[in-house]
N, C-alpha and C. Protein backbone atom coordinates (compact mmCIF):
# COMPACT_ATOMS: atom_id res chain seq x y z
N MET A 1 32.25 -86.72 121.56
CA MET A 1 31.04 -86.29 122.20
C MET A 1 30.75 -86.85 123.28
N SER A 2 30.74 -86.31 124.43
CA SER A 2 30.04 -87.38 125.57
C SER A 2 29.01 -87.31 125.52
N GLU A 3 28.36 -88.15 126.17
CA GLU A 3 27.16 -88.83 126.75
C GLU A 3 26.08 -87.29 127.04
N ALA A 4 26.47 -86.91 128.11
CA ALA A 4 26.10 -85.40 128.63
C ALA A 4 25.86 -84.00 127.35
N ALA A 5 26.61 -84.72 125.95
CA ALA A 5 26.14 -84.02 125.01
C ALA A 5 24.70 -84.35 123.76
N PHE A 6 24.32 -85.47 124.75
CA PHE A 6 23.33 -86.01 123.46
C PHE A 6 22.03 -85.93 124.32
N THR A 7 20.99 -85.65 123.42
CA THR A 7 19.93 -85.32 123.76
C THR A 7 18.87 -86.22 123.24
N ILE A 8 18.02 -87.09 123.89
CA ILE A 8 17.01 -88.07 123.83
C ILE A 8 15.81 -87.45 124.19
N LEU A 9 14.73 -87.82 123.33
CA LEU A 9 13.56 -87.36 122.90
C LEU A 9 12.82 -88.90 123.12
N VAL A 10 11.85 -88.96 124.40
CA VAL A 10 11.02 -89.82 125.03
C VAL A 10 9.91 -90.10 124.52
N VAL A 11 9.31 -91.05 123.91
CA VAL A 11 7.82 -90.77 124.01
C VAL A 11 7.17 -92.13 124.64
N GLU A 12 6.65 -91.50 125.31
CA GLU A 12 5.86 -92.75 125.94
C GLU A 12 4.07 -92.27 126.33
N ASP A 13 3.41 -92.73 126.23
CA ASP A 13 1.98 -92.51 126.77
C ASP A 13 1.77 -92.59 128.11
N ASP A 14 2.39 -93.49 128.65
CA ASP A 14 2.01 -94.19 130.30
C ASP A 14 3.04 -92.76 131.00
N ALA A 15 2.65 -91.99 131.69
CA ALA A 15 2.99 -91.18 132.23
C ALA A 15 4.37 -91.63 133.31
N ILE A 16 3.49 -92.66 134.23
CA ILE A 16 4.79 -92.83 135.33
C ILE A 16 5.95 -93.92 134.92
N VAL A 17 5.67 -94.77 133.27
CA VAL A 17 6.82 -95.12 132.68
C VAL A 17 7.84 -94.12 132.41
N ARG A 18 7.08 -92.67 131.38
CA ARG A 18 7.66 -91.88 131.09
C ARG A 18 8.81 -91.28 131.98
N MET A 19 8.04 -91.36 133.30
CA MET A 19 8.85 -90.81 134.07
C MET A 19 10.24 -91.10 134.91
N LEU A 20 9.83 -92.48 134.72
CA LEU A 20 10.92 -93.94 134.91
C LEU A 20 12.41 -93.64 134.05
N ILE A 21 11.84 -93.77 132.82
CA ILE A 21 12.93 -93.70 131.62
C ILE A 21 13.43 -92.43 132.03
N VAL A 22 13.05 -91.26 131.88
CA VAL A 22 13.48 -90.10 131.88
C VAL A 22 14.51 -89.84 133.21
N ASP A 23 14.13 -90.09 134.34
CA ASP A 23 15.18 -90.33 135.35
C ASP A 23 16.32 -90.99 135.20
N VAL A 24 15.96 -92.22 134.75
CA VAL A 24 17.38 -93.12 134.34
C VAL A 24 18.04 -92.55 133.45
N LEU A 25 17.54 -91.61 132.32
CA LEU A 25 18.36 -91.46 130.90
C LEU A 25 19.05 -89.85 132.08
N GLU A 26 18.37 -89.03 132.68
CA GLU A 26 18.90 -88.21 133.63
C GLU A 26 20.51 -88.45 134.28
N GLU A 27 20.03 -90.00 135.18
CA GLU A 27 20.68 -90.13 135.66
C GLU A 27 21.90 -90.58 135.25
N LEU A 28 21.86 -91.09 133.83
CA LEU A 28 22.81 -91.60 133.16
C LEU A 28 23.88 -90.06 131.88
N GLU A 29 23.23 -89.08 132.83
CA GLU A 29 23.61 -87.72 132.04
C GLU A 29 23.85 -87.44 130.57
N PHE A 30 22.14 -87.88 130.33
CA PHE A 30 21.39 -87.38 128.84
C PHE A 30 20.61 -86.28 129.24
N LYS A 31 20.57 -85.55 127.87
CA LYS A 31 19.48 -84.62 128.21
C LYS A 31 18.40 -85.31 127.54
N VAL A 32 17.17 -85.04 128.27
CA VAL A 32 16.12 -86.02 127.94
C VAL A 32 14.77 -84.67 127.58
N ILE A 33 14.07 -84.42 126.38
CA ILE A 33 12.84 -84.02 126.22
C ILE A 33 11.95 -85.29 126.15
N GLU A 34 10.90 -84.87 126.64
CA GLU A 34 9.58 -85.77 126.55
C GLU A 34 8.51 -85.41 125.71
N ALA A 35 7.52 -86.37 125.46
CA ALA A 35 6.44 -86.40 124.83
C ALA A 35 5.45 -87.33 125.43
N ALA A 36 4.12 -87.18 125.20
CA ALA A 36 3.44 -88.21 125.72
C ALA A 36 2.31 -88.60 124.68
N GLU A 37 2.56 -88.12 123.54
CA GLU A 37 2.25 -88.88 122.43
C GLU A 37 2.95 -88.56 121.40
N ALA A 38 2.53 -89.36 120.14
CA ALA A 38 2.99 -89.16 118.44
C ALA A 38 2.98 -87.72 117.94
N LYS A 39 1.89 -86.81 117.95
CA LYS A 39 1.40 -85.31 117.94
C LYS A 39 2.74 -84.47 118.64
N GLN A 40 2.77 -84.63 119.62
CA GLN A 40 3.60 -84.21 120.48
C GLN A 40 5.01 -84.24 119.88
N ALA A 41 5.70 -85.31 119.79
CA ALA A 41 6.89 -85.87 119.40
C ALA A 41 7.01 -85.14 118.28
N LEU A 42 6.09 -85.62 117.10
CA LEU A 42 6.28 -84.73 115.72
C LEU A 42 6.41 -83.39 115.94
N ALA A 43 6.07 -82.60 116.83
CA ALA A 43 6.06 -81.01 117.24
C ALA A 43 7.60 -80.61 117.43
N LEU A 44 7.99 -81.49 118.26
CA LEU A 44 9.35 -81.40 118.57
C LEU A 44 10.54 -81.88 117.37
N VAL A 45 10.05 -82.64 116.75
CA VAL A 45 11.24 -83.31 115.69
C VAL A 45 11.12 -82.24 114.73
N ASN A 46 9.79 -81.29 114.34
CA ASN A 46 9.79 -80.74 113.25
C ASN A 46 10.34 -79.50 113.57
N SER A 47 10.52 -78.95 114.96
CA SER A 47 11.31 -77.68 115.53
C SER A 47 12.91 -77.86 115.01
N HIS A 48 13.05 -77.18 114.28
CA HIS A 48 14.36 -77.66 113.83
C HIS A 48 15.39 -76.82 114.88
N ASP A 49 14.94 -75.62 115.55
CA ASP A 49 15.97 -75.47 116.50
C ASP A 49 16.23 -76.47 118.12
N GLN A 50 15.49 -77.56 117.72
CA GLN A 50 15.83 -78.57 118.62
C GLN A 50 16.29 -79.60 118.50
N VAL A 51 17.35 -79.44 119.05
CA VAL A 51 18.56 -80.95 118.93
C VAL A 51 18.15 -82.24 119.60
N ILE A 52 18.27 -83.19 118.57
CA ILE A 52 17.71 -84.83 119.29
C ILE A 52 18.25 -85.86 118.62
N ASP A 53 19.16 -86.00 119.14
CA ASP A 53 20.17 -87.17 118.96
C ASP A 53 19.49 -88.51 118.71
N LEU A 54 18.39 -88.77 119.59
CA LEU A 54 18.07 -90.13 119.73
C LEU A 54 16.48 -90.07 119.69
N MET A 55 15.46 -90.55 119.31
CA MET A 55 14.20 -90.45 119.79
C MET A 55 13.98 -92.28 120.24
N MET A 56 13.61 -92.00 121.44
CA MET A 56 13.13 -93.62 122.08
C MET A 56 11.43 -93.57 122.21
N THR A 57 11.07 -94.51 122.20
CA THR A 57 9.01 -94.47 121.38
C THR A 57 9.30 -95.96 122.20
N ASP A 58 8.00 -95.68 122.60
CA ASP A 58 6.98 -96.84 122.76
C ASP A 58 6.63 -97.43 121.50
N VAL A 59 6.22 -98.55 121.27
CA VAL A 59 5.68 -99.35 120.30
C VAL A 59 4.13 -98.76 120.11
N GLY A 60 3.38 -99.27 121.25
CA GLY A 60 1.97 -98.62 121.64
C GLY A 60 1.30 -97.50 122.23
N LEU A 61 1.10 -96.74 121.06
CA LEU A 61 0.90 -95.27 121.40
C LEU A 61 -0.54 -94.99 121.14
N PRO A 62 -1.33 -93.99 121.84
CA PRO A 62 -2.54 -93.89 121.45
C PRO A 62 -3.01 -93.42 119.96
N ASP A 63 -2.45 -92.66 119.44
CA ASP A 63 -2.52 -91.73 118.68
C ASP A 63 -2.23 -92.12 117.29
N MET A 64 -1.05 -93.01 117.27
CA MET A 64 -0.42 -93.82 116.27
C MET A 64 0.65 -94.62 116.50
N ASP A 65 0.95 -95.59 115.97
CA ASP A 65 1.89 -97.01 116.95
C ASP A 65 2.92 -95.88 117.08
N GLY A 66 4.16 -96.77 117.48
CA GLY A 66 5.59 -96.18 117.07
C GLY A 66 6.41 -96.00 116.05
N LYS A 67 5.73 -97.35 115.27
CA LYS A 67 6.27 -97.50 113.80
C LYS A 67 6.00 -96.73 112.93
N GLN A 68 4.59 -96.10 112.87
CA GLN A 68 4.10 -95.19 112.26
C GLN A 68 4.95 -93.65 112.62
N LEU A 69 4.91 -93.35 114.06
CA LEU A 69 5.39 -92.32 114.07
C LEU A 69 7.11 -92.41 113.79
N ALA A 70 7.64 -93.62 113.72
CA ALA A 70 9.01 -93.31 113.51
C ALA A 70 9.27 -93.33 111.78
N ALA A 71 8.09 -93.55 110.96
CA ALA A 71 8.29 -93.40 109.52
C ALA A 71 8.30 -91.98 109.18
N LYS A 72 7.34 -91.16 110.01
CA LYS A 72 6.83 -89.56 109.87
C LYS A 72 8.24 -88.94 110.08
N VAL A 73 8.91 -89.66 111.58
CA VAL A 73 10.27 -88.61 111.69
C VAL A 73 11.15 -88.66 110.99
N ARG A 74 11.17 -90.27 110.57
CA ARG A 74 12.39 -90.69 109.43
C ARG A 74 11.80 -89.20 108.37
N GLU A 75 10.89 -89.12 107.51
CA GLU A 75 10.51 -87.83 106.30
C GLU A 75 11.06 -86.97 107.13
N LEU A 76 11.45 -86.25 108.23
CA LEU A 76 11.63 -85.09 109.06
C LEU A 76 13.14 -85.13 109.13
N ARG A 77 13.67 -86.30 110.04
CA ARG A 77 15.12 -86.24 110.07
C ARG A 77 15.63 -87.92 109.72
N PRO A 78 15.62 -87.83 108.71
CA PRO A 78 16.17 -89.41 108.05
C PRO A 78 17.17 -89.80 108.98
N THR A 79 18.11 -89.41 109.45
CA THR A 79 19.43 -90.00 109.89
C THR A 79 19.42 -90.05 111.46
N LEU A 80 18.14 -89.77 112.19
CA LEU A 80 17.96 -89.64 113.67
C LEU A 80 17.79 -91.06 113.87
N PRO A 81 18.60 -91.67 114.64
CA PRO A 81 18.40 -92.87 115.39
C PRO A 81 16.85 -93.00 115.90
N ILE A 82 16.28 -94.12 116.01
CA ILE A 82 15.15 -94.39 116.76
C ILE A 82 15.19 -95.85 117.31
N LEU A 83 15.13 -95.68 118.83
CA LEU A 83 14.86 -96.87 119.66
C LEU A 83 13.81 -97.27 120.24
N PHE A 84 13.23 -98.31 119.99
CA PHE A 84 11.71 -98.43 120.38
C PHE A 84 11.83 -99.82 121.23
N ALA A 85 10.77 -99.21 122.57
CA ALA A 85 10.72 -99.86 123.67
C ALA A 85 9.76 -100.61 123.73
N SER A 86 9.29 -102.11 124.14
CA SER A 86 8.32 -102.92 123.92
C SER A 86 8.86 -104.00 124.87
N GLY A 87 7.42 -104.41 125.16
CA GLY A 87 7.12 -105.82 126.58
C GLY A 87 7.03 -106.60 125.21
N TYR A 88 6.93 -106.49 124.22
CA TYR A 88 7.05 -107.67 122.72
C TYR A 88 8.10 -107.49 122.04
N ALA A 89 9.43 -107.37 122.73
CA ALA A 89 10.33 -106.93 121.30
C ALA A 89 10.90 -108.01 120.71
N GLU A 90 10.72 -109.16 121.09
CA GLU A 90 11.28 -110.53 120.07
C GLU A 90 10.25 -110.04 119.17
N ASN A 91 8.72 -109.93 119.07
CA ASN A 91 7.94 -109.91 117.99
C ASN A 91 7.86 -109.00 117.11
N ILE A 92 8.99 -107.87 117.31
CA ILE A 92 9.25 -106.86 116.30
C ILE A 92 10.06 -106.56 115.58
N ASP A 93 9.52 -106.23 114.28
CA ASP A 93 10.71 -106.39 113.08
C ASP A 93 10.94 -104.71 113.04
N VAL A 94 12.30 -104.54 112.73
CA VAL A 94 12.28 -102.54 112.83
C VAL A 94 13.14 -102.81 111.45
N PRO A 95 12.78 -101.21 111.16
CA PRO A 95 13.38 -100.95 109.87
C PRO A 95 14.80 -100.95 110.06
N GLU A 96 15.50 -100.97 109.14
CA GLU A 96 17.04 -100.49 109.05
C GLU A 96 17.18 -99.35 110.24
N GLY A 97 18.39 -99.48 110.48
CA GLY A 97 18.79 -98.02 111.13
C GLY A 97 17.88 -97.92 112.47
N MET A 98 17.17 -98.81 112.92
CA MET A 98 16.35 -98.55 114.03
C MET A 98 16.72 -99.46 114.88
N HIS A 99 16.36 -99.43 116.10
CA HIS A 99 16.16 -100.52 117.21
C HIS A 99 15.24 -100.77 118.25
N VAL A 100 15.44 -102.15 118.99
CA VAL A 100 14.63 -102.16 119.75
C VAL A 100 15.22 -102.97 121.16
N ILE A 101 14.26 -102.38 122.24
CA ILE A 101 14.74 -102.81 123.91
C ILE A 101 13.60 -103.80 124.18
N GLY A 102 13.57 -104.69 124.92
CA GLY A 102 12.79 -105.05 125.70
C GLY A 102 12.16 -104.52 126.85
N LYS A 103 10.92 -104.45 127.38
CA LYS A 103 10.62 -103.97 128.87
C LYS A 103 10.14 -105.06 129.48
N PRO A 104 10.29 -105.23 130.58
CA PRO A 104 11.51 -104.16 131.39
C PRO A 104 12.75 -103.97 131.13
N PHE A 105 13.68 -103.23 131.33
CA PHE A 105 14.95 -103.18 131.13
C PHE A 105 15.68 -102.55 132.06
N SER A 106 17.01 -103.00 132.51
CA SER A 106 17.43 -102.26 133.72
C SER A 106 18.40 -101.08 133.10
N ILE A 107 18.68 -100.42 134.25
CA ILE A 107 19.74 -98.98 134.10
C ILE A 107 20.85 -99.51 133.17
N ASP A 108 21.68 -100.74 133.30
CA ASP A 108 22.21 -100.89 132.54
C ASP A 108 22.31 -101.40 131.07
N GLN A 109 21.15 -102.36 131.10
CA GLN A 109 20.74 -102.47 129.72
C GLN A 109 20.11 -101.32 128.59
N LEU A 110 19.69 -100.18 129.31
CA LEU A 110 19.23 -99.26 128.46
C LEU A 110 20.49 -98.47 127.99
N ARG A 111 21.59 -98.23 129.48
CA ARG A 111 22.78 -97.91 128.77
C ARG A 111 23.60 -98.38 127.58
N ASP A 112 23.60 -99.50 128.03
CA ASP A 112 24.17 -100.43 126.80
C ASP A 112 23.79 -99.94 125.35
N LYS A 113 22.21 -100.45 125.64
CA LYS A 113 21.60 -100.28 124.14
C LYS A 113 22.18 -98.83 123.72
N ILE A 114 21.80 -98.08 124.11
CA ILE A 114 21.92 -96.51 123.74
C ILE A 114 23.44 -96.16 123.40
N LYS A 115 24.23 -96.79 123.77
CA LYS A 115 25.81 -96.81 123.62
C LYS A 115 25.62 -97.64 122.26
N ALA A 116 25.09 -98.71 121.74
CA ALA A 116 25.25 -99.55 120.95
C ALA A 116 24.90 -98.46 119.69
N VAL A 117 23.53 -98.11 120.03
CA VAL A 117 22.39 -97.16 118.68
C VAL A 117 23.60 -96.23 118.55
N PHE A 118 24.21 -95.40 119.51
CA PHE A 118 25.03 -94.05 119.07
C PHE A 118 26.38 -94.78 118.22
N SER A 119 26.82 -96.21 118.56
CA SER A 119 28.13 -96.51 117.75
C SER A 119 27.88 -97.32 116.40
N ALA A 120 26.59 -97.16 116.47
CA ALA A 120 26.17 -98.27 115.14
C ALA A 120 26.29 -96.84 114.15
N PRO A 121 26.53 -97.84 112.87
CA PRO A 121 27.32 -97.12 111.79
C PRO A 121 25.86 -96.31 111.24
């Protein structure tokens, strides 16, 4: 499967940050869908017609935090890889099968982290 075949759901409440992440992912040739809040993300995840290969979420969201969102997403799609983005990455304990990247990150760091997530068992 080529990277272009992967679809990433980006959940980020800051519109400018979300736009930058989406631009970077599209530049890396991923398909991207986006959500500004957890409720919107859950609707996308709950839609069985929607292909999602990875959810990348901010930890701090206004309606529920990223960990709460991840728990709900895992109820709907138990095997979906989840990548948390946080300015406090070193302080975050993530559940099994979930990953974290520290903000700010470079294009190369994001690409390498996503490759690592997709190659993880």
